[in-house]
Amino acid sequence: MKITREEVEHVATLARLNMSEEELVKMTGQLDTILSYVAKLDELETADVVPTTHAFSINNAFREDEMQESLSQKEALANAPKENGESFTVPKII
C-alpha cells in the first residue's frame, strides 16, 4: 500500500472534511490505486525525453485578421433576455 488510512485521515482533517468509516476505507483504496499508477510511471526511462510545455509543437497558431460581415443589431439582440431596441439591458450592479 502506498498510502495508509492514518494518512488519509490526516489529509481529511487538514481539508476539514468529515468522513465516515466507509468513506475513509473507499478513499484509502482509491488514493492507493492512484499512487500505485503514479509509481508505475516512475519506472519509465525518461532521461532522453525533452521537457515540453505542450503536447504538439505549434508556432504562431494565430490566423490572419480578415474583415467579415458581422451581425446586424437586430440579429445580435434577437436572443437577448432583455433589450431596449438598441442594446442589452442588464441589472445595475454597484
PDB file of N, CA and C in Angstrom:
ATOM      1  N   MET A   1       0.832  -1.181   0.000  1.00  0.00           N
ATOM      2  CA  MET A   1       0.000   0.000   0.000  1.00  0.00           C
ATOM      3  C   MET A   1       0.882   1.252   0.000  1.00  0.00           C
ATOM      4  N   LYS A   2       0.524   2.206  -0.844  1.00  0.00           N
ATOM      5  CA  LYS A   2       1.271   3.448  -0.948  1.00  0.00           C
ATOM      6  C   LYS A   2       0.815   4.477   0.077  1.00  0.00           C
ATOM      7  N   ILE A   3      -0.412   4.351   0.544  1.00  0.00           N
ATOM      8  CA  ILE A   3      -0.945   5.326   1.490  1.00  0.00           C
ATOM      9  C   ILE A   3      -1.705   4.578   2.578  1.00  0.00           C
ATOM     10  N   THR A   4      -1.585   5.079   3.782  1.00  0.00           N
ATOM     11  CA  THR A   4      -2.255   4.415   4.904  1.00  0.00           C
ATOM     12  C   THR A   4      -3.539   5.156   5.264  1.00  0.00           C
ATOM     13  N   ARG A   5      -4.334   4.471   6.017  1.00  0.00           N
ATOM     14  CA  ARG A   5      -5.595   5.060   6.476  1.00  0.00           C
ATOM     15  C   ARG A   5      -5.323   6.291   7.340  1.00  0.00           C
ATOM     16  N   GLU A   6      -4.273   6.227   8.149  1.00  0.00           N
ATOM     17  CA  GLU A   6      -3.928   7.356   9.015  1.00  0.00           C
ATOM     18  C   GLU A   6      -3.565   8.587   8.173  1.00  0.00           C
ATOM     19  N   GLU A   7      -2.878   8.377   7.067  1.00  0.00           N
ATOM     20  CA  GLU A   7      -2.522   9.494   6.187  1.00  0.00           C
ATOM     21  C   GLU A   7      -3.779  10.104   5.555  1.00  0.00           C
ATOM     22  N   VAL A   8      -4.714   9.255   5.173  1.00  0.00           N
ATOM     23  CA  VAL A   8      -5.971   9.750   4.603  1.00  0.00           C
ATOM     24  C   VAL A   8      -6.734  10.543   5.657  1.00  0.00           C
ATOM     25  N   GLU A   9      -6.790  10.038   6.886  1.00  0.00           N
ATOM     26  CA  GLU A   9      -7.456  10.757   7.972  1.00  0.00           C
ATOM     27  C   GLU A   9      -6.786  12.110   8.213  1.00  0.00           C
ATOM     28  N   HIS A  10      -5.452  12.128   8.168  1.00  0.00           N
ATOM     29  CA  HIS A  10      -4.709  13.370   8.392  1.00  0.00           C
ATOM     30  C   HIS A  10      -5.036  14.396   7.301  1.00  0.00           C
ATOM     31  N   VAL A  11      -5.037  13.967   6.043  1.00  0.00           N
ATOM     32  CA  VAL A  11      -5.348  14.871   4.938  1.00  0.00           C
ATOM     33  C   VAL A  11      -6.791  15.355   5.034  1.00  0.00           C
ATOM     34  N   ALA A  12      -7.695  14.467   5.405  1.00  0.00           N
ATOM     35  CA  ALA A  12      -9.099  14.856   5.570  1.00  0.00           C
ATOM     36  C   ALA A  12      -9.235  15.893   6.676  1.00  0.00           C
ATOM     37  N   THR A  13      -8.484  15.737   7.744  1.00  0.00           N
ATOM     38  CA  THR A  13      -8.515  16.714   8.836  1.00  0.00           C
ATOM     39  C   THR A  13      -7.986  18.063   8.358  1.00  0.00           C
ATOM     40  N   LEU A  14      -6.876  18.044   7.608  1.00  0.00           N
ATOM     41  CA  LEU A  14      -6.313  19.293   7.084  1.00  0.00           C
ATOM     42  C   LEU A  14      -7.284  19.993   6.142  1.00  0.00           C
ATOM     43  N   ALA A  15      -8.031  19.196   5.366  1.00  0.00           N
ATOM     44  CA  ALA A  15      -9.001  19.752   4.422  1.00  0.00           C
ATOM     45  C   ALA A  15     -10.346  20.038   5.096  1.00  0.00           C
ATOM     46  N   ARG A  16     -10.417  19.781   6.389  1.00  0.00           N
ATOM     47  CA  ARG A  16     -11.638  19.981   7.165  1.00  0.00           C
ATOM     48  C   ARG A  16     -12.814  19.182   6.597  1.00  0.00           C
ATOM     49  N   LEU A  17     -12.525  17.921   6.269  1.00  0.00           N
ATOM     50  CA  LEU A  17     -13.549  17.021   5.756  1.00  0.00           C
ATOM     51  C   LEU A  17     -13.914  16.021   6.840  1.00  0.00           C
ATOM     52  N   ASN A  18     -15.192  15.865   7.076  1.00  0.00           N
ATOM     53  CA  ASN A  18     -15.671  14.835   7.988  1.00  0.00           C
ATOM     54  C   ASN A  18     -16.031  13.618   7.148  1.00  0.00           C
ATOM     55  N   MET A  19     -15.287  12.540   7.339  1.00  0.00           N
ATOM     56  CA  MET A  19     -15.509  11.343   6.533  1.00  0.00           C
ATOM     57  C   MET A  19     -15.966  10.202   7.430  1.00  0.00           C
ATOM     58  N   SER A  20     -16.947   9.465   6.928  1.00  0.00           N
ATOM     59  CA  SER A  20     -17.430   8.295   7.657  1.00  0.00           C
ATOM     60  C   SER A  20     -16.416   7.168   7.505  1.00  0.00           C
ATOM     61  N   GLU A  21     -16.619   6.120   8.264  1.00  0.00           N
ATOM     62  CA  GLU A  21     -15.732   4.943   8.199  1.00  0.00           C
ATOM     63  C   GLU A  21     -15.704   4.379   6.786  1.00  0.00           C
ATOM     64  N   GLU A  22     -16.868   4.279   6.175  1.00  0.00           N
ATOM     65  CA  GLU A  22     -16.988   3.731   4.822  1.00  0.00           C
ATOM     66  C   GLU A  22     -16.248   4.625   3.817  1.00  0.00           C
ATOM     67  N   GLU A  23     -16.401   5.936   3.977  1.00  0.00           N
ATOM     68  CA  GLU A  23     -15.723   6.876   3.068  1.00  0.00           C
ATOM     69  C   GLU A  23     -14.205   6.803   3.227  1.00  0.00           C
ATOM     70  N   LEU A  24     -13.725   6.637   4.455  1.00  0.00           N
ATOM     71  CA  LEU A  24     -12.286   6.515   4.691  1.00  0.00           C
ATOM     72  C   LEU A  24     -11.713   5.277   4.004  1.00  0.00           C
ATOM     73  N   VAL A  25     -12.408   4.166   4.128  1.00  0.00           N
ATOM     74  CA  VAL A  25     -11.952   2.922   3.503  1.00  0.00           C
ATOM     75  C   VAL A  25     -11.937   3.081   1.978  1.00  0.00           C
ATOM     76  N   LYS A  26     -13.007   3.645   1.438  1.00  0.00           N
ATOM     77  CA  LYS A  26     -13.115   3.840  -0.007  1.00  0.00           C
ATOM     78  C   LYS A  26     -12.037   4.797  -0.500  1.00  0.00           C
ATOM     79  N   MET A  27     -11.839   5.920   0.184  1.00  0.00           N
ATOM     80  CA  MET A  27     -10.859   6.915  -0.228  1.00  0.00           C
ATOM     81  C   MET A  27      -9.439   6.369  -0.134  1.00  0.00           C
ATOM     82  N   THR A  28      -9.162   5.575   0.897  1.00  0.00           N
ATOM     83  CA  THR A  28      -7.834   4.972   1.034  1.00  0.00           C
ATOM     84  C   THR A  28      -7.552   4.065  -0.155  1.00  0.00           C
ATOM     85  N   GLY A  29      -8.522   3.267  -0.545  1.00  0.00           N
ATOM     86  CA  GLY A  29      -8.345   2.380  -1.701  1.00  0.00           C
ATOM     87  C   GLY A  29      -8.153   3.157  -2.995  1.00  0.00           C
ATOM     88  N   GLN A  30      -8.954   4.206  -3.189  1.00  0.00           N
ATOM     89  CA  GLN A  30      -8.855   4.997  -4.415  1.00  0.00           C
ATOM     90  C   GLN A  30      -7.520   5.731  -4.500  1.00  0.00           C
ATOM     91  N   LEU A  31      -7.100   6.347  -3.401  1.00  0.00           N
ATOM     92  CA  LEU A  31      -5.814   7.053  -3.407  1.00  0.00           C
ATOM     93  C   LEU A  31      -4.653   6.088  -3.580  1.00  0.00           C
ATOM     94  N   ASP A  32      -4.766   4.893  -3.003  1.00  0.00           N
ATOM     95  CA  ASP A  32      -3.721   3.889  -3.176  1.00  0.00           C
ATOM     96  C   ASP A  32      -3.602   3.475  -4.643  1.00  0.00           C
ATOM     97  N   THR A  33      -4.730   3.329  -5.319  1.00  0.00           N
ATOM     98  CA  THR A  33      -4.723   2.984  -6.743  1.00  0.00           C
ATOM     99  C   THR A  33      -4.048   4.085  -7.559  1.00  0.00           C
ATOM    100  N   ILE A  34      -4.377   5.326  -7.254  1.00  0.00           N
ATOM    101  CA  ILE A  34      -3.795   6.457  -7.979  1.00  0.00           C
ATOM    102  C   ILE A  34      -2.289   6.519  -7.747  1.00  0.00           C
ATOM    103  N   LEU A  35      -1.872   6.397  -6.494  1.00  0.00           N
ATOM    104  CA  LEU A  35      -0.441   6.475  -6.186  1.00  0.00           C
ATOM    105  C   LEU A  35       0.334   5.290  -6.764  1.00  0.00           C
ATOM    106  N   SER A  36      -0.282   4.127  -6.843  1.00  0.00           N
ATOM    107  CA  SER A  36       0.367   2.971  -7.467  1.00  0.00           C
ATOM    108  C   SER A  36       0.582   3.223  -8.952  1.00  0.00           C
ATOM    109  N   TYR A  37      -0.383   3.850  -9.601  1.00  0.00           N
ATOM    110  CA  TYR A  37      -0.254   4.182 -11.022  1.00  0.00           C
ATOM    111  C   TYR A  37       0.864   5.200 -11.230  1.00  0.00           C
ATOM    112  N   VAL A  38       0.939   6.212 -10.383  1.00  0.00           N
ATOM    113  CA  VAL A  38       1.997   7.214 -10.491  1.00  0.00           C
ATOM    114  C   VAL A  38       3.361   6.557 -10.268  1.00  0.00           C
ATOM    115  N   ALA A  39       3.439   5.631  -9.334  1.00  0.00           N
ATOM    116  CA  ALA A  39       4.691   4.920  -9.086  1.00  0.00           C
ATOM    117  C   ALA A  39       5.096   4.106 -10.312  1.00  0.00           C
ATOM    118  N   LYS A  40       4.113   3.565 -11.025  1.00  0.00           N
ATOM    119  CA  LYS A  40       4.397   2.815 -12.239  1.00  0.00           C
ATOM    120  C   LYS A  40       5.001   3.747 -13.305  1.00  0.00           C
ATOM    121  N   LEU A  41       4.519   4.982 -13.357  1.00  0.00           N
ATOM    122  CA  LEU A  41       5.067   5.957 -14.302  1.00  0.00           C
ATOM    123  C   LEU A  41       6.530   6.289 -13.980  1.00  0.00           C
ATOM    124  N   ASP A  42       6.894   6.221 -12.697  1.00  0.00           N
ATOM    125  CA  ASP A  42       8.277   6.485 -12.298  1.00  0.00           C
ATOM    126  C   ASP A  42       9.243   5.450 -12.861  1.00  0.00           C
ATOM    127  N   GLU A  43       8.746   4.284 -13.249  1.00  0.00           N
ATOM    128  CA  GLU A  43       9.601   3.229 -13.788  1.00  0.00           C
ATOM    129  C   GLU A  43      10.029   3.506 -15.226  1.00  0.00           C
ATOM    130  N   LEU A  44       9.365   4.433 -15.898  1.00  0.00           N
ATOM    131  CA  LEU A  44       9.695   4.734 -17.288  1.00  0.00           C
ATOM    132  C   LEU A  44      11.037   5.439 -17.394  1.00  0.00           C
ATOM    133  N   GLU A  45      11.790   5.126 -18.443  1.00  0.00           N
ATOM    134  CA  GLU A  45      13.063   5.774 -18.703  1.00  0.00           C
ATOM    135  C   GLU A  45      12.792   7.080 -19.441  1.00  0.00           C
ATOM    136  N   THR A  46      13.024   8.188 -18.789  1.00  0.00           N
ATOM    137  CA  THR A  46      12.724   9.489 -19.386  1.00  0.00           C
ATOM    138  C   THR A  46      13.955  10.382 -19.494  1.00  0.00           C
ATOM    139  N   ALA A  47      15.134   9.800 -19.376  1.00  0.00           N
ATOM    140  CA  ALA A  47      16.363  10.599 -19.402  1.00  0.00           C
ATOM    141  C   ALA A  47      16.533  11.336 -20.730  1.00  0.00           C
ATOM    142  N   ASP A  48      16.150  10.720 -21.847  1.00  0.00           N
ATOM    143  CA  ASP A  48      16.343  11.338 -23.157  1.00  0.00           C
ATOM    144  C   ASP A  48      15.110  12.076 -23.660  1.00  0.00           C
ATOM    145  N   VAL A  49      14.095  12.221 -22.838  1.00  0.00           N
ATOM    146  CA  VAL A  49      12.873  12.903 -23.251  1.00  0.00           C
ATOM    147  C   VAL A  49      13.014  14.391 -22.925  1.00  0.00           C
ATOM    148  N   VAL A  50      12.823  15.211 -23.953  1.00  0.00           N
ATOM    149  CA  VAL A  50      12.943  16.650 -23.778  1.00  0.00           C
ATOM    150  C   VAL A  50      11.687  17.178 -23.085  1.00  0.00           C
ATOM    151  N   PRO A  51      11.850  17.986 -22.032  1.00  0.00           N
ATOM    152  CA  PRO A  51      10.673  18.554 -21.371  1.00  0.00           C
ATOM    153  C   PRO A  51       9.906  19.461 -22.336  1.00  0.00           C
ATOM    154  N   THR A  52       8.590  19.397 -22.268  1.00  0.00           N
ATOM    155  CA  THR A  52       7.764  20.217 -23.154  1.00  0.00           C
ATOM    156  C   THR A  52       6.700  20.939 -22.345  1.00  0.00           C
ATOM    157  N   THR A  53       6.186  21.999 -22.930  1.00  0.00           N
ATOM    158  CA  THR A  53       5.080  22.715 -22.301  1.00  0.00           C
ATOM    159  C   THR A  53       3.770  22.378 -22.986  1.00  0.00           C
ATOM    160  N   HIS A  54       3.849  21.841 -24.218  1.00  0.00           N
ATOM    161  CA  HIS A  54       2.667  21.476 -24.981  1.00  0.00           C
ATOM    162  C   HIS A  54       2.892  20.111 -25.626  1.00  0.00           C
ATOM    163  N   ALA A  55       1.814  19.406 -25.862  1.00  0.00           N
ATOM    164  CA  ALA A  55       1.919  18.092 -26.490  1.00  0.00           C
ATOM    165  C   ALA A  55       2.342  18.203 -27.949  1.00  0.00           C
ATOM    166  N   PHE A  56       1.926  19.291 -28.614  1.00  0.00           N
ATOM    167  CA  PHE A  56       2.265  19.499 -30.019  1.00  0.00           C
ATOM    168  C   PHE A  56       3.059  20.784 -30.153  1.00  0.00           C
ATOM    169  N   SER A  57       4.049  20.766 -31.009  1.00  0.00           N
ATOM    170  CA  SER A  57       4.836  21.962 -31.248  1.00  0.00           C
ATOM    171  C   SER A  57       4.097  22.847 -32.243  1.00  0.00           C
ATOM    172  N   ILE A  58       3.571  23.951 -31.769  1.00  0.00           N
ATOM    173  CA  ILE A  58       2.813  24.861 -32.621  1.00  0.00           C
ATOM    174  C   ILE A  58       3.479  26.232 -32.550  1.00  0.00           C
ATOM    175  N   ASN A  59       3.798  26.767 -33.714  1.00  0.00           N
ATOM    176  CA  ASN A  59       4.366  28.105 -33.773  1.00  0.00           C
ATOM    177  C   ASN A  59       3.355  29.043 -34.400  1.00  0.00           C
ATOM    178  N   ASN A  60       3.075  30.141 -33.713  1.00  0.00           N
ATOM    179  CA  ASN A  60       2.160  31.163 -34.191  1.00  0.00           C
ATOM    180  C   ASN A  60       0.876  30.549 -34.741  1.00  0.00           C
ATOM    181  N   ALA A  61       0.030  30.105 -33.848  1.00  0.00           N
ATOM    182  CA  ALA A  61      -1.217  29.458 -34.219  1.00  0.00           C
ATOM    183  C   ALA A  61      -2.327  30.452 -34.531  1.00  0.00           C
ATOM    184  N   PHE A  62      -1.985  31.735 -34.568  1.00  0.00           N
ATOM    185  CA  PHE A  62      -2.999  32.750 -34.835  1.00  0.00           C
ATOM    186  C   PHE A  62      -3.274  32.854 -36.321  1.00  0.00           C
ATOM    187  N   ARG A  63      -4.490  33.114 -36.676  1.00  0.00           N
ATOM    188  CA  ARG A  63      -4.855  33.294 -38.069  1.00  0.00           C
ATOM    189  C   ARG A  63      -4.702  34.758 -38.440  1.00  0.00           C
ATOM    190  N   GLU A  64      -4.678  35.022 -39.710  1.00  0.00           N
ATOM    191  CA  GLU A  64      -4.619  36.395 -40.179  1.00  0.00           C
ATOM    192  C   GLU A  64      -5.956  37.073 -39.907  1.00  0.00           C
ATOM    193  N   ASP A  65      -5.919  38.350 -39.561  1.00  0.00           N
ATOM    194  CA  ASP A  65      -7.153  39.108 -39.378  1.00  0.00           C
ATOM    195  C   ASP A  65      -7.775  39.393 -40.738  1.00  0.00           C
ATOM    196  N   GLU A  66      -9.038  39.074 -40.848  1.00  0.00           N
ATOM    197  CA  GLU A  66      -9.752  39.332 -42.091  1.00  0.00           C
ATOM    198  C   GLU A  66     -11.082  39.988 -41.760  1.00  0.00           C
ATOM    199  N   MET A  67     -11.440  40.985 -42.525  1.00  0.00           N
ATOM    200  CA  MET A  67     -12.725  41.657 -42.332  1.00  0.00           C
ATOM    201  C   MET A  67     -13.845  40.708 -42.751  1.00  0.00           C
ATOM    202  N   GLN A  68     -14.884  40.625 -41.931  1.00  0.00           N
ATOM    203  CA  GLN A  68     -16.038  39.795 -42.237  1.00  0.00           C
ATOM    204  C   GLN A  68     -17.298  40.561 -41.875  1.00  0.00           C
ATOM    205  N   GLU A  69     -18.385  40.150 -42.458  1.00  0.00           N
ATOM    206  CA  GLU A  69     -19.671  40.737 -42.101  1.00  0.00           C
ATOM    207  C   GLU A  69     -19.992  40.360 -40.662  1.00  0.00           C
ATOM    208  N   SER A  70     -20.496  41.298 -39.892  1.00  0.00           N
ATOM    209  CA  SER A  70     -20.899  40.990 -38.526  1.00  0.00           C
ATOM    210  C   SER A  70     -22.421  40.950 -38.454  1.00  0.00           C
ATOM    211  N   LEU A  71     -22.917  40.566 -37.294  1.00  0.00           N
ATOM    212  CA  LEU A  71     -24.363  40.508 -37.096  1.00  0.00           C
ATOM    213  C   LEU A  71     -24.942  41.913 -37.120  1.00  0.00           C
ATOM    214  N   SER A  72     -26.139  41.999 -37.611  1.00  0.00           N
ATOM    215  CA  SER A  72     -26.840  43.281 -37.520  1.00  0.00           C
ATOM    216  C   SER A  72     -27.264  43.472 -36.070  1.00  0.00           C
ATOM    217  N   GLN A  73     -27.597  44.676 -35.711  1.00  0.00           N
ATOM    218  CA  GLN A  73     -28.026  44.960 -34.343  1.00  0.00           C
ATOM    219  C   GLN A  73     -29.274  44.143 -33.996  1.00  0.00           C
ATOM    220  N   LYS A  74     -30.175  44.020 -34.931  1.00  0.00           N
ATOM    221  CA  LYS A  74     -31.405  43.256 -34.716  1.00  0.00           C
ATOM    222  C   LYS A  74     -31.086  41.785 -34.468  1.00  0.00           C
ATOM    223  N   GLU A  75     -30.161  41.215 -35.251  1.00  0.00           N
ATOM    224  CA  GLU A  75     -29.777  39.802 -35.077  1.00  0.00           C
ATOM    225  C   GLU A  75     -29.068  39.595 -33.737  1.00  0.00           C
ATOM    226  N   ALA A  76     -28.207  40.534 -33.356  1.00  0.00           N
ATOM    227  CA  ALA A  76     -27.469  40.407 -32.104  1.00  0.00           C
ATOM    228  C   ALA A  76     -28.408  40.434 -30.902  1.00  0.00           C
ATOM    229  N   LEU A  77     -29.446  41.221 -30.978  1.00  0.00           N
ATOM    230  CA  LEU A  77     -30.383  41.352 -29.858  1.00  0.00           C
ATOM    231  C   LEU A  77     -31.521  40.340 -29.893  1.00  0.00           C
ATOM    232  N   ALA A  78     -31.588  39.534 -30.937  1.00  0.00           N
ATOM    233  CA  ALA A  78     -32.717  38.624 -31.132  1.00  0.00           C
ATOM    234  C   ALA A  78     -32.915  37.651 -29.973  1.00  0.00           C
ATOM    235  N   ASN A  79     -31.862  37.115 -29.380  1.00  0.00           N
ATOM    236  CA  ASN A  79     -31.998  36.129 -28.306  1.00  0.00           C
ATOM    237  C   ASN A  79     -31.741  36.710 -26.925  1.00  0.00           C
ATOM    238  N   ALA A  80     -31.645  38.020 -26.823  1.00  0.00           N
ATOM    239  CA  ALA A  80     -31.383  38.651 -25.532  1.00  0.00           C
ATOM    240  C   ALA A  80     -32.591  38.493 -24.617  1.00  0.00           C
ATOM    241  N   PRO A  81     -32.370  38.171 -23.334  1.00  0.00           N
ATOM    242  CA  PRO A  81     -33.494  38.074 -22.411  1.00  0.00           C
ATOM    243  C   PRO A  81     -34.172  39.436 -22.219  1.00  0.00           C
ATOM    244  N   LYS A  82     -33.369  40.503 -22.215  1.00  0.00           N
ATOM    245  CA  LYS A  82     -33.915  41.862 -22.103  1.00  0.00           C
ATOM    246  C   LYS A  82     -33.095  42.769 -23.006  1.00  0.00           C
ATOM    247  N   GLU A  83     -33.779  43.604 -23.740  1.00  0.00           N
ATOM    248  CA  GLU A  83     -33.111  44.591 -24.580  1.00  0.00           C
ATOM    249  C   GLU A  83     -34.027  45.790 -24.749  1.00  0.00           C
ATOM    250  N   ASN A  84     -33.434  46.910 -25.109  1.00  0.00           N
ATOM    251  CA  ASN A  84     -34.228  48.130 -25.226  1.00  0.00           C
ATOM    252  C   ASN A  84     -34.322  48.628 -26.666  1.00  0.00           C
ATOM    253  N   GLY A  85     -34.050  47.753 -27.621  1.00  0.00           N
ATOM    254  CA  GLY A  85     -34.097  48.136 -29.021  1.00  0.00           C
ATOM    255  C   GLY A  85     -32.746  48.562 -29.565  1.00  0.00           C
ATOM    256  N   GLU A  86     -31.852  48.976 -28.679  1.00  0.00           N
ATOM    257  CA  GLU A  86     -30.525  49.406 -29.112  1.00  0.00           C
ATOM    258  C   GLU A  86     -29.411  48.582 -28.487  1.00  0.00           C
ATOM    259  N   SER A  87     -29.647  48.102 -27.269  1.00  0.00           N
ATOM    260  CA  SER A  87     -28.592  47.373 -26.557  1.00  0.00           C
ATOM    261  C   SER A  87     -29.210  46.377 -25.583  1.00  0.00           C
ATOM    262  N   PHE A  88     -28.339  45.544 -25.001  1.00  0.00           N
ATOM    263  CA  PHE A  88     -28.775  44.596 -23.978  1.00  0.00           C
ATOM    264  C   PHE A  88     -29.122  45.380 -22.705  1.00  0.00           C
ATOM    265  N   THR A  89     -30.131  44.933 -21.995  1.00  0.00           N
ATOM    266  CA  THR A  89     -30.483  45.527 -20.727  1.00  0.00           C
ATOM    267  C   THR A  89     -30.079  44.550 -19.629  1.00  0.00           C
ATOM    268  N   VAL A  90     -29.229  45.027 -18.704  1.00  0.00           N
ATOM    269  CA  VAL A  90     -28.743  44.180 -17.627  1.00  0.00           C
ATOM    270  C   VAL A  90     -29.011  44.868 -16.301  1.00  0.00           C
ATOM    271  N   PRO A  91     -29.036  44.106 -15.195  1.00  0.00           N
ATOM    272  CA  PRO A  91     -29.278  44.718 -13.892  1.00  0.00           C
ATOM    273  C   PRO A  91     -28.107  45.648 -13.511  1.00  0.00           C
ATOM    274  N   LYS A  92     -28.420  46.719 -12.830  1.00  0.00           N
ATOM    275  CA  LYS A  92     -27.412  47.656 -12.365  1.00  0.00           C
ATOM    276  C   LYS A  92     -26.694  47.040 -11.171  1.00  0.00           C
ATOM    277  N   ILE A  93     -25.366  47.003 -11.229  1.00  0.00           N
ATOM    278  CA  ILE A  93     -24.574  46.417 -10.148  1.00  0.00           C
ATOM    279  C   ILE A  93     -23.568  47.459  -9.690  1.00  0.00           C
ATOM    280  N   ILE A  94     -23.689  47.866  -8.452  1.00  0.00           N
ATOM    281  CA  ILE A  94     -22.746  48.846  -7.900  1.00  0.00           C
ATOM    282  C   ILE A  94     -22.339  48.380  -6.526  1.00  0.00           C
TER     283      ILE A  94
END
